[in-house]
Amino acid sequence: MKKSILAILTVVTIAFTSCTSDNPETTTPSNTFDLKVDDLKGEITNNETVTLDATKTYTLTGGLIVRSGASLIIPAGTTIKSDPTADTEKAKTIFIAIERGAKIFVNGTATKPVVMTSGKTAPTEGNWGGLIICGDAKVNTGDNGTSEVGGLLYGGNNNADSSGKITYLKISYTGSKFSDSKEYNGVSFFGVGSGTEVSNIYTFESGDDAVEFFGGAVNASKLVLVNSYDDSLDYADGYIGTITDVYINGVSFGGVEGSNNGQNDIALPMTDAKILNMSIVKGTATKFTASEKAINFKEGGGKQTYTNLFVDGIAIFAKLDSNTGATARIAAGDFKVNGANFVTANNTTAVYVTNQTGAGAGASLPSWADWTK
């Protein structure tokens, strides 16, 4: 009896194996991205998570795009350098971009920051693009905007959306010129939600803005923005959030450019930015002229509140949009500086920054930013 049962089981097993071998189950490989240390570029797809190796120095040779559902993890101490042979034309194709629905985790520490920089022997601003992050939060230019460079969709209705985490990032020599009217920033946030963690970013020698927020609701803290060749900090398109502890040095145009909407200066949701503890230092080099003042209140301005703001070397406090949207915001007391409503007649730094310490140390680099040295 036992032998008969075993024989039957053997026949069944053979038959089952024979049938299934003719119709093998199709599976998606868990890892499809070709990660090359000396040729980092391409698209991370298929809900894949790619983790870089902190013991290696990566050469970014083109666009690295993380598509929706996928993730990129960059451990503490990782260094990424742009292609050292890239000319001006190729430089505009070298960037890192996070698509709406994807995530990036820049997991630096004070002693082991993540570094993204130029690979050239004699680096200069504009050697490569920069870091672009797109999210699903609200913007006042529409729910499906296209990023200024990179051509990625951004914006939606989820202000709590998460695009991951960025902490202790040193990013330098960014801002390559994409076209006559478009340049990369150091870090660009397009419709990024408040579920994203952003802290301790150091930008250096950015060919355009250092950090820019296009709408969204992400908060940020501890930004050190040094030598930017457009604006240092820029927010627009209905950005709603709080930015805490900002140290700016080396201002070409505006220390801050804050606006509502370039096409409709009263568009909703209206920009509502709160900046706490900021130092804006013009810088001593002749190229740092601060031609658009400490604050460029632009394109309707929206609501802007600055608390503990210190300014050094800039005599006129703000450049003001004269259109009705901006003048209405100023008249309504929506432009607040160090506890006072901005008054056009008193547009000087002497009025607005008396006895302020800004990011913690007036014109000097604050102690919390010692990790950037």
Protein backbone atom coordinates (compact mmCIF):
# COMPACT_ATOMS: atom_id res chain seq x y z
CA MET A 1 0.00 0.00 0.00
CA LYS A 2 2.78 2.37 0.92
CA LYS A 3 4.62 1.56 -2.31
CA SER A 4 1.47 2.26 -4.35
CA ILE A 5 0.98 5.65 -2.68
CA LEU A 6 4.62 6.59 -3.28
CA ALA A 7 4.31 5.59 -6.92
CA ILE A 8 1.20 7.70 -7.37
CA LEU A 9 2.87 10.70 -5.72
CA THR A 10 5.90 10.31 -7.96
CA VAL A 11 3.74 10.28 -11.10
CA VAL A 12 1.79 13.35 -9.93
CA THR A 13 5.00 15.20 -9.11
CA ILE A 14 6.50 14.42 -12.52
CA ALA A 15 3.30 15.47 -14.30
CA PHE A 16 3.07 18.73 -12.31
CA THR A 17 6.73 19.55 -12.96
CA SER A 18 6.28 18.83 -16.65
CA CYS A 19 3.27 21.14 -16.92
CA THR A 20 4.78 24.02 -15.01
CA SER A 21 8.07 23.89 -16.89
CA ASP A 22 6.17 24.56 -20.13
CA ASN A 23 4.64 27.75 -18.63
CA PRO A 24 7.26 29.34 -16.39
CA GLU A 25 6.04 32.20 -14.20
CA THR A 26 7.21 35.60 -15.39
CA THR A 27 8.91 37.69 -12.67
CA THR A 28 10.32 41.19 -12.72
CA PRO A 29 13.98 41.38 -11.70
CA SER A 30 14.38 43.15 -8.37
CA ASN A 31 17.37 45.13 -9.66
CA THR A 32 17.41 46.44 -13.20
CA PHE A 33 19.39 49.70 -12.86
CA ASP A 34 22.96 49.44 -14.12
CA LEU A 35 24.88 51.22 -11.35
CA LYS A 36 28.33 52.26 -12.59
CA VAL A 37 30.72 54.14 -10.34
CA ASP A 38 32.52 55.89 -13.22
CA ASP A 39 29.41 56.44 -15.38
CA LEU A 40 26.50 57.33 -13.12
CA LYS A 41 23.41 58.19 -15.18
CA GLY A 42 20.15 56.74 -16.42
CA GLU A 43 16.69 56.03 -15.01
CA ILE A 44 15.83 54.13 -11.84
CA THR A 45 12.45 52.48 -12.50
CA ASN A 46 10.29 49.44 -11.61
CA ASN A 47 9.81 50.52 -7.98
CA GLU A 48 13.49 49.75 -7.47
CA THR A 49 15.59 51.06 -4.59
CA VAL A 50 19.19 51.88 -5.48
CA THR A 51 21.71 52.47 -2.70
CA LEU A 52 25.07 54.07 -3.39
CA ASP A 53 28.30 52.96 -1.69
CA ALA A 54 29.89 55.58 0.57
CA THR A 55 33.34 54.08 0.04
CA LYS A 56 33.26 54.98 -3.65
CA THR A 57 33.41 58.32 -5.50
CA TYR A 58 30.83 58.39 -8.29
CA THR A 59 31.22 60.25 -11.57
CA LEU A 60 27.91 61.73 -12.76
CA THR A 61 28.06 61.70 -16.56
CA GLY A 62 24.47 62.53 -17.48
CA GLY A 63 20.98 62.82 -16.09
CA LEU A 64 20.18 60.49 -13.18
CA ILE A 65 16.38 60.32 -12.90
CA VAL A 66 14.49 58.45 -10.18
CA ARG A 67 11.09 57.58 -11.59
CA SER A 68 7.80 57.35 -9.67
CA GLY A 69 7.76 54.50 -7.17
CA ALA A 70 11.55 54.14 -7.11
CA SER A 71 14.01 55.39 -4.49
CA LEU A 72 17.62 56.53 -4.34
CA ILE A 73 19.52 56.18 -1.06
CA ILE A 74 22.77 58.10 -0.62
CA PRO A 75 24.58 57.11 2.59
CA ALA A 76 26.62 59.44 4.80
CA GLY A 77 30.04 60.22 3.38
CA THR A 78 29.15 59.54 -0.27
CA THR A 79 30.77 61.78 -2.91
CA ILE A 80 29.34 62.39 -6.39
CA LYS A 81 31.37 64.43 -8.89
CA SER A 82 30.33 65.68 -12.30
CA ASP A 83 32.12 64.52 -15.43
CA PRO A 84 35.53 66.28 -15.42
CA THR A 85 35.60 66.34 -19.22
CA ALA A 86 32.17 67.93 -19.70
CA ASP A 87 32.08 71.07 -21.83
CA THR A 88 29.42 73.79 -21.50
CA GLU A 89 26.99 71.93 -23.74
CA LYS A 90 27.29 68.62 -21.89
CA ALA A 91 27.18 70.31 -18.47
CA LYS A 92 23.50 71.08 -18.96
CA THR A 93 22.71 67.36 -19.30
CA ILE A 94 24.31 66.44 -15.95
CA PHE A 95 21.84 66.51 -13.05
CA ILE A 96 20.00 64.40 -10.48
CA ALA A 97 16.19 64.49 -10.60
CA ILE A 98 13.50 62.91 -8.45
CA GLU A 99 10.18 62.45 -10.24
CA ARG A 100 6.83 63.03 -8.56
CA GLY A 101 6.05 59.85 -6.65
CA ALA A 102 9.72 58.89 -6.24
CA LYS A 103 11.95 59.39 -3.20
CA ILE A 104 15.50 60.39 -2.40
CA PHE A 105 17.26 59.85 0.92
CA VAL A 106 20.38 61.97 1.39
CA ASN A 107 21.53 60.58 4.73
CA GLY A 108 24.53 62.75 5.54
CA THR A 109 25.82 63.59 9.00
CA ALA A 110 27.76 66.55 10.37
CA THR A 111 31.00 64.57 10.24
CA LYS A 112 30.19 62.70 7.03
CA PRO A 113 28.07 64.91 4.76
CA VAL A 114 26.99 63.81 1.31
CA VAL A 115 28.96 65.77 -1.30
CA MET A 116 27.74 66.64 -4.81
CA THR A 117 30.29 68.73 -6.66
CA SER A 118 32.26 69.41 -9.84
CA GLY A 119 34.77 66.90 -11.06
CA LYS A 120 36.96 69.48 -12.75
CA THR A 121 40.45 70.27 -11.55
CA ALA A 122 39.63 73.98 -11.50
CA PRO A 123 35.88 74.02 -10.73
CA THR A 124 33.60 76.99 -11.39
CA GLU A 125 29.90 77.72 -11.11
CA GLY A 126 27.85 76.05 -13.83
CA ASN A 127 30.01 72.92 -14.18
CA TRP A 128 26.87 70.78 -13.83
CA GLY A 129 23.12 71.12 -13.26
CA GLY A 130 22.04 70.39 -9.70
CA LEU A 131 19.44 68.48 -7.71
CA ILE A 132 15.77 68.61 -8.76
CA ILE A 133 12.95 67.23 -6.61
CA CYS A 134 9.33 67.07 -7.78
CA GLY A 135 6.34 66.39 -5.53
CA ASP A 136 2.57 66.21 -5.38
CA ALA A 137 1.86 69.29 -3.23
CA LYS A 138 -0.19 72.29 -4.28
CA VAL A 139 1.17 75.05 -6.51
CA ASN A 140 -0.76 78.03 -7.86
CA THR A 141 0.39 77.51 -11.45
CA GLY A 142 -1.60 74.28 -11.95
CA ASP A 143 -1.59 70.68 -10.73
CA ASN A 144 0.61 69.31 -13.51
CA GLY A 145 3.38 71.77 -14.10
CA THR A 146 6.61 70.88 -15.88
CA SER A 147 9.87 71.48 -14.05
CA GLU A 148 11.91 74.41 -15.32
CA VAL A 149 14.62 71.99 -16.39
CA GLY A 150 14.39 68.22 -16.63
CA GLY A 151 10.82 68.27 -18.02
CA LEU A 152 9.27 66.44 -15.05
CA LEU A 153 5.66 66.82 -13.93
CA TYR A 154 5.02 68.28 -10.48
CA GLY A 155 2.21 69.63 -8.33
CA GLY A 156 -1.06 68.17 -7.09
CA ASN A 157 -3.29 68.31 -4.03
CA ASN A 158 -1.31 66.48 -1.36
CA ASN A 159 0.51 69.06 0.74
CA ALA A 160 1.64 66.27 3.10
CA ASP A 161 3.37 64.39 0.28
CA SER A 162 6.84 62.98 0.98
CA SER A 163 9.73 62.94 -1.47
CA GLY A 164 12.08 61.49 1.14
CA LYS A 165 14.78 63.18 3.19
CA ILE A 166 17.76 65.48 2.65
CA THR A 167 20.14 66.21 5.47
CA TYR A 168 23.78 67.30 5.58
CA LEU A 169 24.27 67.87 1.88
CA LYS A 170 27.14 69.88 0.40
CA ILE A 171 26.32 70.81 -3.19
CA SER A 172 28.59 73.07 -5.23
CA TYR A 173 29.42 74.47 -8.71
CA THR A 174 25.87 73.92 -9.97
CA GLY A 175 23.71 76.08 -12.22
CA SER A 176 24.68 75.13 -15.77
CA LYS A 177 22.77 77.11 -18.38
CA PHE A 178 20.01 75.00 -19.92
CA SER A 179 18.82 77.70 -22.35
CA ASP A 180 18.81 81.48 -22.71
CA SER A 181 16.01 81.73 -20.15
CA LYS A 182 16.58 78.66 -17.94
CA GLU A 183 19.38 77.64 -15.61
CA TYR A 184 19.61 74.98 -12.96
CA ASN A 185 19.65 75.95 -9.29
CA GLY A 186 21.67 74.27 -6.57
CA VAL A 187 18.57 72.50 -5.22
CA SER A 188 15.11 72.98 -6.75
CA PHE A 189 11.91 71.93 -4.95
CA PHE A 190 8.93 71.69 -7.32
CA GLY A 191 5.62 71.18 -5.49
CA VAL A 192 7.31 69.26 -2.69
CA GLY A 193 5.18 68.34 0.33
CA SER A 194 5.66 68.75 4.06
CA GLY A 195 6.28 65.03 4.51
CA THR A 196 9.73 65.61 3.03
CA GLU A 197 12.48 66.30 5.58
CA VAL A 198 14.93 69.05 4.60
CA SER A 199 17.75 70.28 6.83
CA ASN A 200 21.44 71.18 6.75
CA ILE A 201 22.07 72.05 3.11
CA TYR A 202 25.21 73.93 2.09
CA THR A 203 25.37 75.40 -1.40
CA PHE A 204 28.50 76.99 -2.85
CA GLU A 205 29.10 78.75 -6.17
CA SER A 206 25.68 78.25 -7.73
CA GLY A 207 25.35 79.69 -11.23
CA ASP A 208 21.70 80.55 -10.61
CA ASP A 209 19.70 80.44 -7.35
CA ALA A 210 21.10 78.44 -4.45
CA VAL A 211 17.78 76.94 -3.30
CA GLU A 212 14.37 77.57 -4.86
CA PHE A 213 10.87 76.45 -3.87
CA PHE A 214 8.25 76.36 -6.64
CA GLY A 215 5.02 76.12 -4.64
CA GLY A 216 4.61 73.19 -2.30
CA ALA A 217 4.52 73.04 1.47
CA VAL A 218 7.89 71.60 2.47
CA ASN A 219 9.62 73.13 5.50
CA ALA A 220 13.40 73.52 5.68
CA SER A 221 15.99 74.36 8.29
CA LYS A 222 19.68 75.23 8.56
CA LEU A 223 20.54 76.40 5.05
CA VAL A 224 23.98 77.87 4.30
CA LEU A 225 23.95 79.59 0.90
CA VAL A 226 27.31 80.99 -0.18
CA ASN A 227 28.18 82.76 -3.46
CA SER A 228 25.05 82.53 -5.62
CA TYR A 229 25.03 84.21 -9.02
CA ASP A 230 21.32 84.93 -9.15
CA ASP A 231 19.24 84.90 -5.95
CA SER A 232 20.33 83.05 -2.84
CA LEU A 233 16.93 81.88 -1.56
CA ASP A 234 13.93 81.94 -3.89
CA TYR A 235 10.32 80.89 -3.37
CA ALA A 236 7.30 81.37 -5.62
CA ASP A 237 4.08 79.93 -7.04
CA GLY A 238 2.12 79.63 -3.80
CA TYR A 239 4.87 78.25 -1.60
CA ILE A 240 3.49 77.73 1.92
CA GLY A 241 6.05 76.79 4.53
CA THR A 242 8.51 77.74 7.24
CA ILE A 243 12.25 78.09 6.67
CA THR A 244 14.32 78.29 9.84
CA ASP A 245 18.01 79.25 10.30
CA VAL A 246 19.41 80.57 7.03
CA TYR A 247 22.88 82.03 6.53
CA ILE A 248 23.52 83.80 3.22
CA ASN A 249 26.84 85.27 2.09
CA GLY A 250 27.75 86.50 -1.39
CA VAL A 251 24.63 88.09 -2.92
CA SER A 252 24.56 88.83 -6.65
CA PHE A 253 20.91 89.81 -7.11
CA GLY A 254 18.49 89.30 -4.18
CA GLY A 255 19.31 87.75 -0.86
CA VAL A 256 15.73 86.48 -1.04
CA GLU A 257 13.39 86.61 -4.02
CA GLY A 258 9.85 86.01 -2.79
CA SER A 259 6.95 86.04 -5.22
CA ASN A 260 3.42 84.76 -5.72
CA ASN A 261 2.82 84.12 -9.42
CA GLY A 262 4.41 85.65 -12.52
CA GLN A 263 1.25 85.38 -14.63
CA ASN A 264 -1.37 86.21 -11.99
CA ASP A 265 0.01 88.01 -8.97
CA ILE A 266 -3.07 87.29 -6.83
CA ALA A 267 -3.31 83.59 -7.73
CA LEU A 268 -4.36 81.12 -5.02
CA PRO A 269 -3.13 79.47 -2.95
CA MET A 270 -1.14 82.57 -2.20
CA THR A 271 2.49 82.33 -1.19
CA ASP A 272 2.74 82.37 2.62
CA ALA A 273 6.37 82.04 3.67
CA LYS A 274 7.67 82.36 7.20
CA ILE A 275 11.43 82.85 7.60
CA LEU A 276 12.92 82.60 11.08
CA ASN A 277 16.53 83.47 11.96
CA MET A 278 18.22 84.67 8.80
CA SER A 279 21.46 86.52 8.09
CA ILE A 280 21.99 88.11 4.67
CA VAL A 281 25.58 89.25 4.11
CA LYS A 282 26.28 91.02 0.82
CA GLY A 283 29.87 89.83 0.55
CA THR A 284 33.04 91.75 -0.20
CA ALA A 285 33.85 90.66 -3.77
CA THR A 286 32.96 93.24 -6.43
CA LYS A 287 30.72 90.76 -8.24
CA PHE A 288 28.39 90.65 -5.24
CA THR A 289 26.31 93.79 -5.82
CA ALA A 290 22.95 92.73 -4.30
CA SER A 291 21.34 94.58 -7.20
CA GLU A 292 17.87 93.37 -6.14
CA LYS A 293 18.45 94.20 -2.46
CA ALA A 294 18.10 92.05 0.64
CA ILE A 295 14.51 91.11 -0.26
CA ASN A 296 13.05 91.21 -3.77
CA PHE A 297 9.28 91.40 -3.16
CA LYS A 298 8.23 90.29 -6.62
CA GLU A 299 5.21 89.30 -8.74
CA GLY A 300 2.56 89.98 -6.11
CA GLY A 301 4.86 89.02 -3.27
CA GLY A 302 2.22 87.06 -1.41
CA LYS A 303 2.53 86.89 2.37
CA GLN A 304 6.06 87.10 3.75
CA THR A 305 7.08 87.14 7.40
CA TYR A 306 10.70 87.55 8.54
CA THR A 307 11.59 87.11 12.20
CA ASN A 308 15.10 87.79 13.53
CA LEU A 309 16.43 88.95 10.18
CA PHE A 310 19.92 90.49 10.04
CA VAL A 311 21.31 92.27 6.94
CA ASP A 312 24.88 93.38 6.37
CA GLY A 313 26.21 95.59 3.57
CA ILE A 314 22.92 96.32 1.77
CA ALA A 315 21.64 99.87 2.28
CA ILE A 316 18.20 99.57 0.65
CA PHE A 317 16.19 96.82 2.27
CA ALA A 318 13.76 95.72 -0.46
CA LYS A 319 13.14 95.89 -4.18
CA LEU A 320 9.38 96.25 -4.57
CA ASP A 321 6.99 95.10 -7.24
CA SER A 322 4.81 98.17 -7.95
CA ASN A 323 1.82 96.27 -9.36
CA THR A 324 -1.49 96.18 -7.51
CA GLY A 325 -1.11 92.67 -6.12
CA ALA A 326 2.09 93.54 -4.27
CA THR A 327 0.93 96.96 -3.12
CA ALA A 328 -2.25 95.38 -1.74
CA ARG A 329 -0.22 92.86 0.26
CA ILE A 330 1.99 95.60 1.72
CA ALA A 331 -1.05 97.75 2.57
CA ALA A 332 -2.69 94.78 4.29
CA GLY A 333 0.37 94.24 6.50
CA ASP A 334 1.28 90.95 4.84
CA PHE A 335 4.96 91.90 4.50
CA LYS A 336 6.23 91.68 8.07
CA VAL A 337 9.84 92.23 9.13
CA ASN A 338 11.11 91.72 12.67
CA GLY A 339 7.72 92.29 14.23
CA ALA A 340 6.78 95.35 12.14
CA ASN A 341 4.71 95.83 9.02
CA PHE A 342 6.90 96.90 6.12
CA VAL A 343 6.49 100.58 5.30
CA THR A 344 7.63 101.77 1.87
CA ALA A 345 8.84 105.13 3.19
CA ASN A 346 11.26 103.41 5.58
CA ASN A 347 12.85 101.05 3.04
CA THR A 348 16.32 100.83 4.62
CA THR A 349 18.13 98.10 6.52
CA ALA A 350 18.73 100.49 9.42
CA VAL A 351 15.02 100.44 10.20
CA TYR A 352 14.35 96.72 9.89
CA VAL A 353 17.38 94.92 11.29
CA THR A 354 18.27 96.86 14.45
CA ASN A 355 19.54 94.58 17.25
CA GLN A 356 18.95 91.39 15.28
CA THR A 357 21.34 88.44 15.23
CA GLY A 358 19.89 86.60 12.26
CA ALA A 359 21.05 83.02 11.91
CA GLY A 360 22.66 83.23 15.32
CA ALA A 361 25.83 85.24 14.86
CA GLY A 362 25.02 88.38 12.88
CA ALA A 363 27.35 88.54 9.87
CA SER A 364 29.48 85.60 11.04
CA LEU A 365 28.89 81.98 10.19
CA PRO A 366 26.74 80.56 13.01
CA SER A 367 28.10 77.74 15.13
CA TRP A 368 25.46 75.28 13.91
CA ALA A 369 27.01 75.63 10.43
CA ASP A 370 30.54 74.66 11.49
CA TRP A 371 30.10 71.38 9.60
CA THR A 372 30.33 73.33 6.31
CA LYS A 373 33.91 74.50 6.90
